[in-house]
């Protein structure tokens, strides 16, 4: 039987290939931890959009804007009487179809309204904005979470 002992005085060194792999792994981990915001959404998505269903009881209007720095925001209005309710503005995070796609046509925004949190998933295609709203009640009221989907046309 042979036994091996480590020489505590001898420093361990990593091979150059191992060092490169370690550096790449560290950079990858940093990219996952740091919040990322894609800024390459198409200009076609910006503007005011109105719900194609004029009798909707949900979201009636969506206004997408892009600041000079490229960051996008969305302002949402929901059905209320006598005037629509202003949900306020939220940051819009955009997505491409692949990791290298900078032409983004999908976006998300989150609205925390106190009694509920609504996540919007928006897709722009063929001159139309499709919006799915996922609402989760957070007030302990017992109401069921729900999803809705609406098509929006550009307001002219």
C-alpha atoms as a PDB file:
ATOM      1  CA  UNK A   1       0.000   0.000   0.000  1.00  0.00           C
ATOM      2  CA  UNK A   2       1.341   3.408  -0.942  1.00  0.00           C
ATOM      3  CA  UNK A   3       0.426   6.596   0.781  1.00  0.00           C
ATOM      4  CA  UNK A   4       0.739  10.074  -0.572  1.00  0.00           C
ATOM      5  CA  UNK A   5       1.400  13.141   1.427  1.00  0.00           C
ATOM      6  CA  UNK A   6       0.955  16.698   0.343  1.00  0.00           C
ATOM      7  CA  UNK A   7       3.785  19.064   0.858  1.00  0.00           C
ATOM      8  CA  UNK A   8       2.131  21.988   2.638  1.00  0.00           C
ATOM      9  CA  UNK A   9       5.071  24.231   1.819  1.00  0.00           C
ATOM     10  CA  UNK A  10       4.735  23.765  -1.950  1.00  0.00           C
ATOM     11  CA  UNK A  11       2.212  26.210  -3.428  1.00  0.00           C
ATOM     12  CA  UNK A  12      -0.457  24.774  -5.715  1.00  0.00           C
ATOM     13  CA  UNK A  13      -0.715  26.389  -9.089  1.00  0.00           C
ATOM     14  CA  UNK A  14      -3.452  26.091 -11.652  1.00  0.00           C
ATOM     15  CA  UNK A  15      -2.644  25.211 -15.207  1.00  0.00           C
ATOM     16  CA  UNK A  16      -3.262  28.083 -17.655  1.00  0.00           C
ATOM     17  CA  UNK A  17      -6.263  26.247 -19.107  1.00  0.00           C
ATOM     18  CA  UNK A  18      -7.800  25.802 -15.633  1.00  0.00           C
ATOM     19  CA  UNK A  19      -7.208  29.471 -14.867  1.00  0.00           C
ATOM     20  CA  UNK A  20      -9.032  30.504 -18.048  1.00  0.00           C
ATOM     21  CA  UNK A  21     -11.940  28.216 -17.205  1.00  0.00           C
ATOM     22  CA  UNK A  22     -12.070  29.653 -13.701  1.00  0.00           C
ATOM     23  CA  UNK A  23     -12.078  33.222 -15.027  1.00  0.00           C
ATOM     24  CA  UNK A  24     -14.831  32.388 -17.530  1.00  0.00           C
ATOM     25  CA  UNK A  25     -16.922  30.712 -14.830  1.00  0.00           C
ATOM     26  CA  UNK A  26     -16.482  33.737 -12.558  1.00  0.00           C
ATOM     27  CA  UNK A  27     -17.586  36.125 -15.321  1.00  0.00           C
ATOM     28  CA  UNK A  28     -20.577  33.926 -16.151  1.00  0.00           C
ATOM     29  CA  UNK A  29     -21.628  33.794 -12.504  1.00  0.00           C
ATOM     30  CA  UNK A  30     -21.303  37.572 -12.258  1.00  0.00           C
ATOM     31  CA  UNK A  31     -23.571  37.986 -15.281  1.00  0.00           C
ATOM     32  CA  UNK A  32     -26.200  35.789 -13.642  1.00  0.00           C
ATOM     33  CA  UNK A  33     -26.076  37.617 -10.321  1.00  0.00           C
ATOM     34  CA  UNK A  34     -26.008  41.204 -11.625  1.00  0.00           C
ATOM     35  CA  UNK A  35     -29.423  42.472 -12.772  1.00  0.00           C
ATOM     36  CA  UNK A  36     -29.486  42.840 -16.522  1.00  0.00           C
ATOM     37  CA  UNK A  37     -31.733  45.120 -18.508  1.00  0.00           C
ATOM     38  CA  UNK A  38     -31.853  44.771 -22.268  1.00  0.00           C
ATOM     39  CA  UNK A  39     -32.164  48.116 -23.991  1.00  0.00           C
ATOM     40  CA  UNK A  40     -32.475  47.066 -27.618  1.00  0.00           C
ATOM     41  CA  UNK A  41     -36.256  46.983 -28.011  1.00  0.00           C
ATOM     42  CA  UNK A  42     -37.543  48.042 -31.426  1.00  0.00           C
ATOM     43  CA  UNK A  43     -38.887  51.545 -31.935  1.00  0.00           C
ATOM     44  CA  UNK A  44     -42.006  49.927 -33.408  1.00  0.00           C
ATOM     45  CA  UNK A  45     -43.101  48.915 -29.908  1.00  0.00           C
ATOM     46  CA  UNK A  46     -43.135  52.488 -28.584  1.00  0.00           C
ATOM     47  CA  UNK A  47     -46.320  54.501 -28.656  1.00  0.00           C
ATOM     48  CA  UNK A  48     -49.865  54.393 -27.349  1.00  0.00           C
ATOM     49  CA  UNK A  49     -51.839  51.183 -27.769  1.00  0.00           C
ATOM     50  CA  UNK A  50     -55.596  50.720 -27.188  1.00  0.00           C
ATOM     51  CA  UNK A  51     -57.396  47.483 -26.428  1.00  0.00           C
ATOM     52  CA  UNK A  52     -59.125  46.065 -29.515  1.00  0.00           C
ATOM     53  CA  UNK A  53     -61.987  44.970 -27.237  1.00  0.00           C
ATOM     54  CA  UNK A  54     -63.720  48.248 -26.420  1.00  0.00           C
ATOM     55  CA  UNK A  55     -65.880  46.525 -23.769  1.00  0.00           C
ATOM     56  CA  UNK A  56     -62.928  45.085 -21.811  1.00  0.00           C
ATOM     57  CA  UNK A  57     -63.122  45.159 -18.038  1.00  0.00           C
ATOM     58  CA  UNK A  58     -59.306  44.945 -17.825  1.00  0.00           C
ATOM     59  CA  UNK A  59     -56.482  46.934 -19.408  1.00  0.00           C
ATOM     60  CA  UNK A  60     -57.769  49.606 -21.780  1.00  0.00           C
ATOM     61  CA  UNK A  61     -54.593  51.397 -22.842  1.00  0.00           C
ATOM     62  CA  UNK A  62     -50.815  50.878 -22.805  1.00  0.00           C
ATOM     63  CA  UNK A  63     -48.239  53.608 -23.416  1.00  0.00           C
ATOM     64  CA  UNK A  64     -44.673  52.434 -24.151  1.00  0.00           C
ATOM     65  CA  UNK A  65     -41.893  55.043 -24.063  1.00  0.00           C
ATOM     66  CA  UNK A  66     -38.143  54.917 -24.554  1.00  0.00           C
ATOM     67  CA  UNK A  67     -35.795  57.358 -22.809  1.00  0.00           C
ATOM     68  CA  UNK A  68     -32.752  58.881 -24.487  1.00  0.00           C
ATOM     69  CA  UNK A  69     -30.535  56.324 -22.689  1.00  0.00           C
ATOM     70  CA  UNK A  70     -32.522  53.480 -24.234  1.00  0.00           C
ATOM     71  CA  UNK A  71     -34.398  52.382 -21.112  1.00  0.00           C
ATOM     72  CA  UNK A  72     -38.058  51.700 -21.724  1.00  0.00           C
ATOM     73  CA  UNK A  73     -41.087  52.215 -19.512  1.00  0.00           C
ATOM     74  CA  UNK A  74     -44.738  51.300 -19.787  1.00  0.00           C
ATOM     75  CA  UNK A  75     -47.745  53.155 -18.409  1.00  0.00           C
ATOM     76  CA  UNK A  76     -50.943  51.136 -18.101  1.00  0.00           C
ATOM     77  CA  UNK A  77     -54.577  52.183 -17.739  1.00  0.00           C
ATOM     78  CA  UNK A  78     -57.348  49.852 -16.574  1.00  0.00           C
ATOM     79  CA  UNK A  79     -61.131  50.031 -16.798  1.00  0.00           C
ATOM     80  CA  UNK A  80     -62.643  52.189 -14.031  1.00  0.00           C
ATOM     81  CA  UNK A  81     -65.677  54.458 -13.957  1.00  0.00           C
ATOM     82  CA  UNK A  82     -66.088  57.238 -14.867  1.00  0.00           C
ATOM     83  CA  UNK A  83     -62.430  57.446 -16.019  1.00  0.00           C
ATOM     84  CA  UNK A  84     -59.808  54.755 -16.572  1.00  0.00           C
ATOM     85  CA  UNK A  85     -57.478  54.017 -13.630  1.00  0.00           C
ATOM     86  CA  UNK A  86     -53.824  54.968 -14.060  1.00  0.00           C
ATOM     87  CA  UNK A  87     -51.612  52.080 -12.874  1.00  0.00           C
ATOM     88  CA  UNK A  88     -48.561  54.294 -13.145  1.00  0.00           C
ATOM     89  CA  UNK A  89     -45.274  53.610 -14.921  1.00  0.00           C
ATOM     90  CA  UNK A  90     -43.037  50.561 -14.631  1.00  0.00           C
ATOM     91  CA  UNK A  91     -39.673  49.626 -16.152  1.00  0.00           C
ATOM     92  CA  UNK A  92     -39.986  47.501 -19.278  1.00  0.00           C
ATOM     93  CA  UNK A  93     -37.488  44.667 -19.728  1.00  0.00           C
ATOM     94  CA  UNK A  94     -37.151  43.401 -23.299  1.00  0.00           C
ATOM     95  CA  UNK A  95     -36.125  40.023 -24.723  1.00  0.00           C
ATOM     96  CA  UNK A  96     -34.836  38.666 -28.026  1.00  0.00           C
ATOM     97  CA  UNK A  97     -35.383  35.179 -29.412  1.00  0.00           C
ATOM     98  CA  UNK A  98     -31.780  34.097 -28.755  1.00  0.00           C
ATOM     99  CA  UNK A  99     -28.867  35.237 -26.613  1.00  0.00           C
ATOM    100  CA  UNK A 100     -27.407  37.131 -29.611  1.00  0.00           C
ATOM    101  CA  UNK A 101     -30.698  38.637 -30.876  1.00  0.00           C
ATOM    102  CA  UNK A 102     -30.721  42.400 -30.253  1.00  0.00           C
ATOM    103  CA  UNK A 103     -34.028  42.944 -32.091  1.00  0.00           C
ATOM    104  CA  UNK A 104     -36.388  42.495 -29.139  1.00  0.00           C
ATOM    105  CA  UNK A 105     -40.111  41.949 -29.636  1.00  0.00           C
ATOM    106  CA  UNK A 106     -41.070  40.586 -26.196  1.00  0.00           C
ATOM    107  CA  UNK A 107     -41.145  42.566 -22.942  1.00  0.00           C
ATOM    108  CA  UNK A 108     -42.183  42.227 -19.304  1.00  0.00           C
ATOM    109  CA  UNK A 109     -43.219  44.683 -16.613  1.00  0.00           C
ATOM    110  CA  UNK A 110     -44.323  44.142 -13.011  1.00  0.00           C
ATOM    111  CA  UNK A 111     -46.922  46.202 -11.143  1.00  0.00           C
ATOM    112  CA  UNK A 112     -47.152  45.734  -7.363  1.00  0.00           C
ATOM    113  CA  UNK A 113     -50.491  47.314  -6.499  1.00  0.00           C
ATOM    114  CA  UNK A 114     -50.603  46.549  -2.768  1.00  0.00           C
ATOM    115  CA  UNK A 115     -53.498  44.083  -2.911  1.00  0.00           C
ATOM    116  CA  UNK A 116     -52.119  42.249  -5.966  1.00  0.00           C
ATOM    117  CA  UNK A 117     -49.073  41.929  -8.195  1.00  0.00           C
ATOM    118  CA  UNK A 118     -49.600  41.894 -11.955  1.00  0.00           C
ATOM    119  CA  UNK A 119     -46.894  40.743 -14.343  1.00  0.00           C
ATOM    120  CA  UNK A 120     -47.354  41.852 -17.944  1.00  0.00           C
ATOM    121  CA  UNK A 121     -45.889  39.815 -20.803  1.00  0.00           C
ATOM    122  CA  UNK A 122     -46.056  41.801 -24.027  1.00  0.00           C
ATOM    123  CA  UNK A 123     -45.338  40.606 -27.579  1.00  0.00           C
ATOM    124  CA  UNK A 124     -45.152  42.851 -30.623  1.00  0.00           C
ATOM    125  CA  UNK A 125     -45.918  41.206 -33.967  1.00  0.00           C
ATOM    126  CA  UNK A 126     -47.491  42.231 -37.273  1.00  0.00           C
ATOM    127  CA  UNK A 127     -48.288  45.756 -36.073  1.00  0.00           C
ATOM    128  CA  UNK A 128     -50.152  44.506 -33.002  1.00  0.00           C
ATOM    129  CA  UNK A 129     -49.269  44.398 -29.319  1.00  0.00           C
ATOM    130  CA  UNK A 130     -50.459  41.301 -27.451  1.00  0.00           C
ATOM    131  CA  UNK A 131     -50.532  41.676 -23.669  1.00  0.00           C
ATOM    132  CA  UNK A 132     -50.935  38.846 -21.188  1.00  0.00           C
ATOM    133  CA  UNK A 133     -51.609  39.982 -17.612  1.00  0.00           C
ATOM    134  CA  UNK A 134     -50.897  37.509 -14.793  1.00  0.00           C
ATOM    135  CA  UNK A 135     -52.471  38.724 -11.541  1.00  0.00           C
ATOM    136  CA  UNK A 136     -51.602  37.242  -8.152  1.00  0.00           C
ATOM    137  CA  UNK A 137     -53.586  38.437  -5.134  1.00  0.00           C
ATOM    138  CA  UNK A 138     -51.360  39.193  -2.151  1.00  0.00           C
ATOM    139  CA  UNK A 139     -53.919  40.567   0.328  1.00  0.00           C
ATOM    140  CA  UNK A 140     -55.158  37.269   1.778  1.00  0.00           C
ATOM    141  CA  UNK A 141     -58.659  37.897   0.403  1.00  0.00           C
ATOM    142  CA  UNK A 142     -59.009  34.368  -0.980  1.00  0.00           C
ATOM    143  CA  UNK A 143     -59.580  35.633  -4.506  1.00  0.00           C
ATOM    144  CA  UNK A 144     -58.192  33.361  -7.202  1.00  0.00           C
ATOM    145  CA  UNK A 145     -55.138  34.404  -9.214  1.00  0.00           C
ATOM    146  CA  UNK A 146     -56.012  34.859 -12.874  1.00  0.00           C
ATOM    147  CA  UNK A 147     -54.588  35.435 -16.335  1.00  0.00           C
ATOM    148  CA  UNK A 148     -55.993  37.547 -19.145  1.00  0.00           C
ATOM    149  CA  UNK A 149     -54.851  38.157 -22.701  1.00  0.00           C
ATOM    150  CA  UNK A 150     -55.763  41.062 -24.961  1.00  0.00           C
ATOM    151  CA  UNK A 151     -54.743  42.428 -28.356  1.00  0.00           C
ATOM    152  CA  UNK A 152     -53.921  46.135 -28.709  1.00  0.00           C
ATOM    153  CA  UNK A 153     -53.870  48.326 -31.803  1.00  0.00           C
ATOM    154  CA  UNK A 154     -51.726  51.422 -32.203  1.00  0.00           C
ATOM    155  CA  UNK A 155     -53.609  54.619 -31.377  1.00  0.00           C
ATOM    156  CA  UNK A 156     -53.410  57.141 -34.232  1.00  0.00           C
END
